[in-house]
Each structure stands twice: as C-alpha cells, then as structure tokens.
Amino acid sequence: MRSFIGHVAGQDTLGTLNLVRFHTPELVPLLQPGHFVLVRLLPTWDPYMRVPLFPVAIGHTTWQTYIPAETSFALDLLARMPAGTPVQLWGPYGTPFPSLQGSHNVLIVAQELYVPYALGLMQRHSREGNVVLLVERTGAALPEDLGWVPPAVEVYTVAAETGALEEKLETLEPWADHLFFVGPRHWPYYFAHWLEEHKMRLEPGVAYALISDGITCGLGLCDTCLLETERGWTRACRKGPVFDLAEWFAHRRRGA
C-alpha cells in the first residue's frame, strides 16, 4: 500500500456531473484509466469511511475524479472542500484498462452517467489510435455539445430506447479492434453474450468492462462488490474493477 499526501485543487462540472481535482504529483505517473484510489481528509477521517475514487482525466501533476450524485455524505463533503484542503491517498488499486501498443481502433461504449469514467480512455487512445465514443443518453446529465471530448474522438449518441444502443453498436463493432464498456454492473454479462450472439470472435484481450458500482471499502473486506461471473463469485475491487469479457463473462467459460 502506497500513501501520498496531496490537496484538493478545485472543483469542475461536466454538465450536471461533479468532478474534483487533486494535486498529487507523485501519484499521477502511476495512475491509469480503471485504477481507483482511496482518500480521506486530513487529519481526522477514518480510512474505512472512504469510497474508492476513479481517475477520469489525468494531467501532469493533477487528476480529476467523478463524484456521482446521491452517494455518501463523505463524498458529498469532499466535493465541497475548497482548494488547498489536504488529503491523504492510497493506491493506485485494481486492474486498469490495458495499455495498447501502436495504433488501434478503439470503441468506447458508455452510458451517460458513466461517461466521466471514459475520459481517461479517450485521453490515452486518441493520441495514437482512432477512437469512437458511443453514448447512451439516459437524461440530461451531459451538455448537448460534447466539446470537451478530445477533437480526434468521433462521437455518436443514442437515446435510451429498447434496441437503440445495440443497433448502433452492431454497425460500429466490425470497425473496432478493442471495445471498452463503461456502464452499470449488468453490462459485462449482457454485452459479452450479445457479442457472442452476433458471431463476434470474443477472445481475451479484445473487450473489457469497468465495474465502478458497488465498490465500498476497496480492500476486499466488506464484500459489497461481490460479482457473479462465469468463473464464480469474485470481488470487483480485487479482481477488477476492469474485467476481460472473454475471460470472465463469455458463455463458453461456463463450468470452467
């Protein structure tokens, strides 16, 4: 466990979504999309009052995290802390999204409220490869103009209507070398089986999903992030939070 001392650098918004920036120059080089860190305000908070925070955009000395609405009192308080508030952080924890060598076609599929978790992926892969972001709109959380997306990223949006996301995904999937899903915790099972049913060759290293929901202590102690997979029950914080769909959720793994 590595510990870092940093401070709140400020707050930002993405439509109606809240982001908090941290200044932790020693931690930043270690962070990758899909990692999470544990944090507490100094000097009094008990570490087990924490909820893991995921980096959504990573700079040179600062990084941003997404504070979902209606989470915990602790996170709500953290989102209100003024710049300069000291924090202690542990991490990074978890299995992140893989680093891809060379140029690739990357398709990121995200539900609207989870789009912040995909910012780091867009930031990383748009530098060398081709990136398409497919967003399922579930409300009005994000602005209509997605001007904050890196210019090299091509964006498609669909309404949260039955079959709309799948119909658009079917047209984009043949183009993609890698697929990254960022959404609710039922998505990995659903899309692993959907891809198989549509005759995609689902092999290890092709499709991944981030499980950000339900992780509480981040240390594998509380069992709130237990996740049923084709390989049995596992803790999302310990084996994930990024899972390879072919290894964990594909039908052909059943009984393995």
Protein backbone atom coordinates (compact mmCIF):
# COMPACT_ATOMS: atom_id res chain seq x y z
CA MET A 1 0.00 0.00 0.00
CA ARG A 2 1.50 3.34 -1.08
CA SER A 3 0.40 6.52 0.66
CA PHE A 4 0.52 10.03 -0.75
CA ILE A 5 -0.21 13.47 0.68
CA GLY A 6 -1.84 15.95 -1.65
CA HIS A 7 -4.55 18.58 -1.67
CA VAL A 8 -7.81 19.46 -3.35
CA ALA A 9 -7.02 21.63 -6.38
CA GLY A 10 -10.60 22.65 -7.17
CA GLN A 11 -13.96 21.52 -8.50
CA ASP A 12 -15.29 21.27 -12.05
CA THR A 13 -18.57 20.33 -13.67
CA LEU A 14 -19.39 18.31 -16.75
CA GLY A 15 -22.98 19.26 -17.45
CA THR A 16 -24.67 18.40 -14.15
CA LEU A 17 -21.89 15.98 -13.11
CA ASN A 18 -19.40 16.94 -10.41
CA LEU A 19 -15.64 16.49 -10.75
CA VAL A 20 -12.95 17.18 -8.14
CA ARG A 21 -9.30 17.87 -8.95
CA PHE A 22 -6.42 16.69 -6.77
CA HIS A 23 -2.82 17.87 -6.83
CA THR A 24 -0.69 14.77 -6.16
CA PRO A 25 2.34 14.89 -8.49
CA GLU A 26 3.90 11.72 -7.06
CA LEU A 27 0.72 9.68 -7.61
CA VAL A 28 -0.15 10.93 -11.10
CA PRO A 29 2.53 8.94 -13.02
CA LEU A 30 1.16 5.70 -11.51
CA LEU A 31 -2.49 6.27 -12.44
CA GLN A 32 -4.15 4.56 -15.40
CA PRO A 33 -7.79 4.53 -16.55
CA GLY A 34 -9.63 1.92 -14.49
CA HIS A 35 -7.48 2.30 -11.38
CA PHE A 36 -9.00 3.62 -8.17
CA VAL A 37 -7.55 5.28 -5.09
CA LEU A 38 -8.69 5.59 -1.50
CA VAL A 39 -8.75 9.02 0.09
CA ARG A 40 -9.50 10.74 3.37
CA LEU A 41 -9.44 14.32 4.53
CA LEU A 42 -6.63 15.07 6.96
CA PRO A 43 -6.19 14.66 9.83
CA THR A 44 -9.28 13.03 11.35
CA TRP A 45 -11.19 10.82 8.93
CA ASP A 46 -11.12 7.08 9.46
CA PRO A 47 -9.88 5.37 6.25
CA TYR A 48 -12.86 2.98 6.27
CA MET A 49 -15.25 5.90 5.83
CA ARG A 50 -13.94 6.15 2.26
CA VAL A 51 -15.34 5.27 -1.12
CA PRO A 52 -12.85 4.50 -3.92
CA LEU A 53 -12.30 7.31 -6.40
CA PHE A 54 -11.60 6.66 -10.08
CA PRO A 55 -9.35 8.97 -12.11
CA VAL A 56 -11.29 10.37 -15.05
CA ALA A 57 -8.70 12.74 -16.50
CA ILE A 58 -5.01 12.60 -15.72
CA GLY A 59 -2.68 15.58 -16.14
CA HIS A 60 0.97 16.18 -15.31
CA THR A 61 0.58 16.96 -11.61
CA THR A 62 -3.20 16.83 -11.08
CA TRP A 63 -6.02 14.41 -11.79
CA GLN A 64 -9.79 14.57 -11.66
CA THR A 65 -12.28 12.21 -10.10
CA TYR A 66 -16.02 11.91 -10.62
CA ILE A 67 -18.33 12.33 -7.62
CA PRO A 68 -21.61 10.61 -8.52
CA ALA A 69 -24.77 12.18 -7.14
CA GLU A 70 -26.52 10.61 -4.15
CA THR A 71 -23.53 8.59 -2.99
CA SER A 72 -22.23 9.13 0.54
CA PHE A 73 -22.01 12.01 2.96
CA ALA A 74 -18.23 11.69 2.84
CA LEU A 75 -18.06 12.13 -0.92
CA ASP A 76 -20.56 14.96 -0.87
CA LEU A 77 -18.40 16.73 1.70
CA LEU A 78 -15.26 16.08 -0.33
CA ALA A 79 -16.90 17.65 -3.38
CA ARG A 80 -17.40 20.85 -1.38
CA MET A 81 -13.88 21.20 0.01
CA PRO A 82 -12.05 24.40 -1.03
CA ALA A 83 -8.82 24.35 -2.97
CA GLY A 84 -5.88 23.67 -0.68
CA THR A 85 -7.69 21.20 1.59
CA PRO A 86 -5.12 18.48 2.47
CA VAL A 87 -5.89 14.86 1.65
CA GLN A 88 -4.21 11.52 2.15
CA LEU A 89 -4.47 9.00 -0.67
CA TRP A 90 -3.64 5.31 -1.01
CA GLY A 91 -3.15 3.43 -4.24
CA PRO A 92 -3.44 3.01 -7.09
CA TYR A 93 -5.54 -0.14 -6.65
CA GLY A 94 -7.20 -2.56 -9.03
CA THR A 95 -6.73 -3.88 -12.54
CA PRO A 96 -6.86 -0.98 -15.01
CA PHE A 97 -7.74 -0.97 -18.69
CA PRO A 98 -4.88 -2.41 -20.75
CA SER A 99 -2.27 -0.25 -22.41
CA LEU A 100 -2.31 -0.83 -26.17
CA GLN A 101 0.87 -0.67 -28.20
CA GLY A 102 0.71 1.08 -31.55
CA SER A 103 -2.31 2.38 -33.42
CA HIS A 104 -5.68 0.72 -32.77
CA ASN A 105 -9.35 1.31 -33.47
CA VAL A 106 -10.94 1.70 -30.04
CA LEU A 107 -14.70 1.76 -29.47
CA ILE A 108 -15.81 3.07 -26.07
CA VAL A 109 -19.44 2.39 -25.16
CA ALA A 110 -20.70 4.36 -22.17
CA GLN A 111 -23.98 5.13 -20.50
CA GLU A 112 -24.44 8.86 -19.92
CA LEU A 113 -23.85 8.96 -16.17
CA TYR A 114 -20.69 6.87 -16.56
CA VAL A 115 -19.08 8.94 -19.32
CA PRO A 116 -16.62 10.64 -16.91
CA TYR A 117 -15.00 7.24 -16.31
CA ALA A 118 -14.24 7.10 -20.05
CA LEU A 119 -12.43 10.44 -20.21
CA GLY A 120 -9.06 8.90 -19.38
CA LEU A 121 -9.55 6.24 -22.06
CA MET A 122 -10.28 8.88 -24.69
CA GLN A 123 -7.33 10.92 -23.48
CA ARG A 124 -4.98 7.94 -23.75
CA HIS A 125 -6.03 6.29 -27.00
CA SER A 126 -6.78 9.36 -29.11
CA ARG A 127 -3.06 10.21 -29.05
CA GLU A 128 -2.00 7.22 -31.15
CA GLY A 129 -5.10 5.43 -32.39
CA ASN A 130 -8.62 6.02 -33.62
CA VAL A 131 -11.35 6.39 -31.00
CA VAL A 132 -15.13 6.30 -31.29
CA LEU A 133 -17.32 7.11 -28.28
CA LEU A 134 -20.85 5.71 -28.30
CA VAL A 135 -23.03 7.24 -25.57
CA GLU A 136 -26.42 6.01 -24.42
CA ARG A 137 -28.32 9.11 -23.32
CA THR A 138 -30.45 8.43 -20.26
CA GLY A 139 -31.38 12.01 -19.37
CA ALA A 140 -29.87 15.47 -19.50
CA ALA A 141 -26.77 14.97 -17.35
CA LEU A 142 -24.32 15.87 -20.13
CA PRO A 143 -24.43 19.02 -22.27
CA GLU A 144 -25.70 18.55 -25.81
CA ASP A 145 -22.42 19.92 -27.14
CA LEU A 146 -19.73 17.41 -26.19
CA GLY A 147 -16.98 19.92 -26.93
CA TRP A 148 -14.88 18.68 -24.01
CA VAL A 149 -14.23 15.41 -25.84
CA PRO A 150 -10.74 15.30 -27.47
CA PRO A 151 -11.05 16.56 -31.08
CA ALA A 152 -9.77 13.27 -32.51
CA VAL A 153 -12.64 11.31 -30.93
CA GLU A 154 -15.70 10.62 -33.09
CA VAL A 155 -18.90 10.72 -31.03
CA TYR A 156 -22.27 9.03 -31.55
CA THR A 157 -25.22 9.30 -29.18
CA VAL A 158 -28.39 7.22 -28.99
CA ALA A 159 -31.48 7.53 -26.83
CA ALA A 160 -32.08 5.03 -24.03
CA GLU A 161 -34.71 3.18 -26.05
CA THR A 162 -35.01 -0.56 -26.47
CA GLY A 163 -32.54 -1.78 -29.07
CA ALA A 164 -31.12 1.65 -29.99
CA LEU A 165 -27.70 1.13 -28.42
CA GLU A 166 -27.40 -2.40 -29.79
CA GLU A 167 -28.40 -1.30 -33.29
CA LYS A 168 -25.67 1.34 -33.40
CA LEU A 169 -23.13 -0.97 -31.76
CA GLU A 170 -23.78 -3.56 -34.48
CA THR A 171 -22.69 -1.08 -37.15
CA LEU A 172 -19.55 0.02 -35.27
CA GLU A 173 -18.31 -3.28 -33.85
CA PRO A 174 -16.73 -4.60 -37.09
CA TRP A 175 -14.52 -1.48 -37.23
CA ALA A 176 -13.16 -1.86 -33.70
CA ASP A 177 -10.02 -3.71 -32.66
CA HIS A 178 -10.90 -3.24 -28.99
CA LEU A 179 -14.14 -2.49 -27.15
CA PHE A 180 -14.37 -0.83 -23.74
CA PHE A 181 -17.72 -0.79 -21.92
CA VAL A 182 -18.36 1.74 -19.15
CA GLY A 183 -21.79 1.44 -17.60
CA PRO A 184 -23.93 -0.29 -14.94
CA ARG A 185 -22.82 -3.58 -13.43
CA HIS A 186 -25.11 -5.75 -15.57
CA TRP A 187 -23.42 -4.55 -18.77
CA PRO A 188 -20.47 -7.03 -18.81
CA TYR A 189 -22.72 -10.09 -18.83
CA TYR A 190 -25.19 -8.54 -21.21
CA PHE A 191 -22.67 -7.38 -23.82
CA ALA A 192 -20.45 -10.45 -23.58
CA HIS A 193 -23.46 -12.56 -24.52
CA TRP A 194 -24.67 -10.02 -27.08
CA LEU A 195 -21.30 -10.09 -28.84
CA GLU A 196 -21.30 -13.88 -28.88
CA GLU A 197 -24.82 -13.99 -30.29
CA HIS A 198 -23.72 -11.64 -33.07
CA LYS A 199 -20.91 -14.01 -34.01
CA MET A 200 -18.09 -11.80 -32.82
CA ARG A 201 -14.94 -13.77 -32.02
CA LEU A 202 -14.75 -12.89 -28.34
CA GLU A 203 -11.17 -13.66 -27.39
CA PRO A 204 -9.08 -12.47 -24.41
CA GLY A 205 -7.66 -9.01 -24.94
CA VAL A 206 -10.47 -7.71 -27.16
CA ALA A 207 -13.37 -6.48 -24.98
CA TYR A 208 -13.25 -5.06 -21.45
CA ALA A 209 -15.73 -3.59 -18.97
CA LEU A 210 -15.30 -1.34 -15.95
CA ILE A 211 -17.33 -2.21 -12.84
CA SER A 212 -17.44 1.02 -10.85
CA ASP A 213 -20.68 0.35 -8.95
CA GLY A 214 -20.78 -1.25 -5.52
CA ILE A 215 -17.14 -0.85 -4.53
CA THR A 216 -17.13 0.44 -0.96
CA CYS A 217 -14.04 -0.31 1.11
CA GLY A 218 -11.81 -1.01 -1.90
CA LEU A 219 -9.79 -3.57 0.07
CA GLY A 220 -11.82 -6.75 -0.38
CA LEU A 221 -13.04 -6.71 3.24
CA CYS A 222 -16.69 -5.65 3.12
CA ASP A 223 -17.95 -7.97 0.33
CA THR A 224 -20.30 -5.31 -1.06
CA CYS A 225 -18.70 -5.56 -4.51
CA LEU A 226 -19.22 -9.32 -4.92
CA LEU A 227 -19.87 -10.01 -8.59
CA GLU A 228 -21.18 -13.20 -10.17
CA THR A 229 -19.20 -14.23 -13.23
CA GLU A 230 -18.92 -17.33 -15.39
CA ARG A 231 -15.98 -18.32 -13.18
CA GLY A 232 -17.95 -17.92 -9.96
CA TRP A 233 -18.28 -15.13 -7.45
CA THR A 234 -15.45 -12.62 -7.20
CA ARG A 235 -14.74 -9.24 -5.63
CA ALA A 236 -14.77 -6.46 -8.19
CA CYS A 237 -12.21 -4.44 -6.24
CA ARG A 238 -9.72 -7.31 -6.02
CA LYS A 239 -10.02 -8.95 -9.46
CA GLY A 240 -11.23 -5.84 -11.27
CA PRO A 241 -12.57 -3.26 -11.49
CA VAL A 242 -11.72 -3.80 -15.17
CA PHE A 243 -12.66 -7.26 -16.47
CA ASP A 244 -11.86 -9.01 -19.72
CA LEU A 245 -15.26 -10.11 -21.05
CA ALA A 246 -13.89 -13.26 -22.72
CA GLU A 247 -12.23 -14.47 -19.52
CA TRP A 248 -14.99 -13.62 -17.04
CA PHE A 249 -18.37 -13.34 -18.76
CA ALA A 250 -18.41 -15.32 -22.01
CA HIS A 251 -20.82 -18.29 -22.20
CA ARG A 252 -18.05 -20.65 -23.25
CA ARG A 253 -16.43 -20.20 -19.85
CA ARG A 254 -19.46 -21.65 -18.09
CA GLY A 255 -18.43 -24.63 -15.97
CA ALA A 256 -14.69 -23.96 -16.44
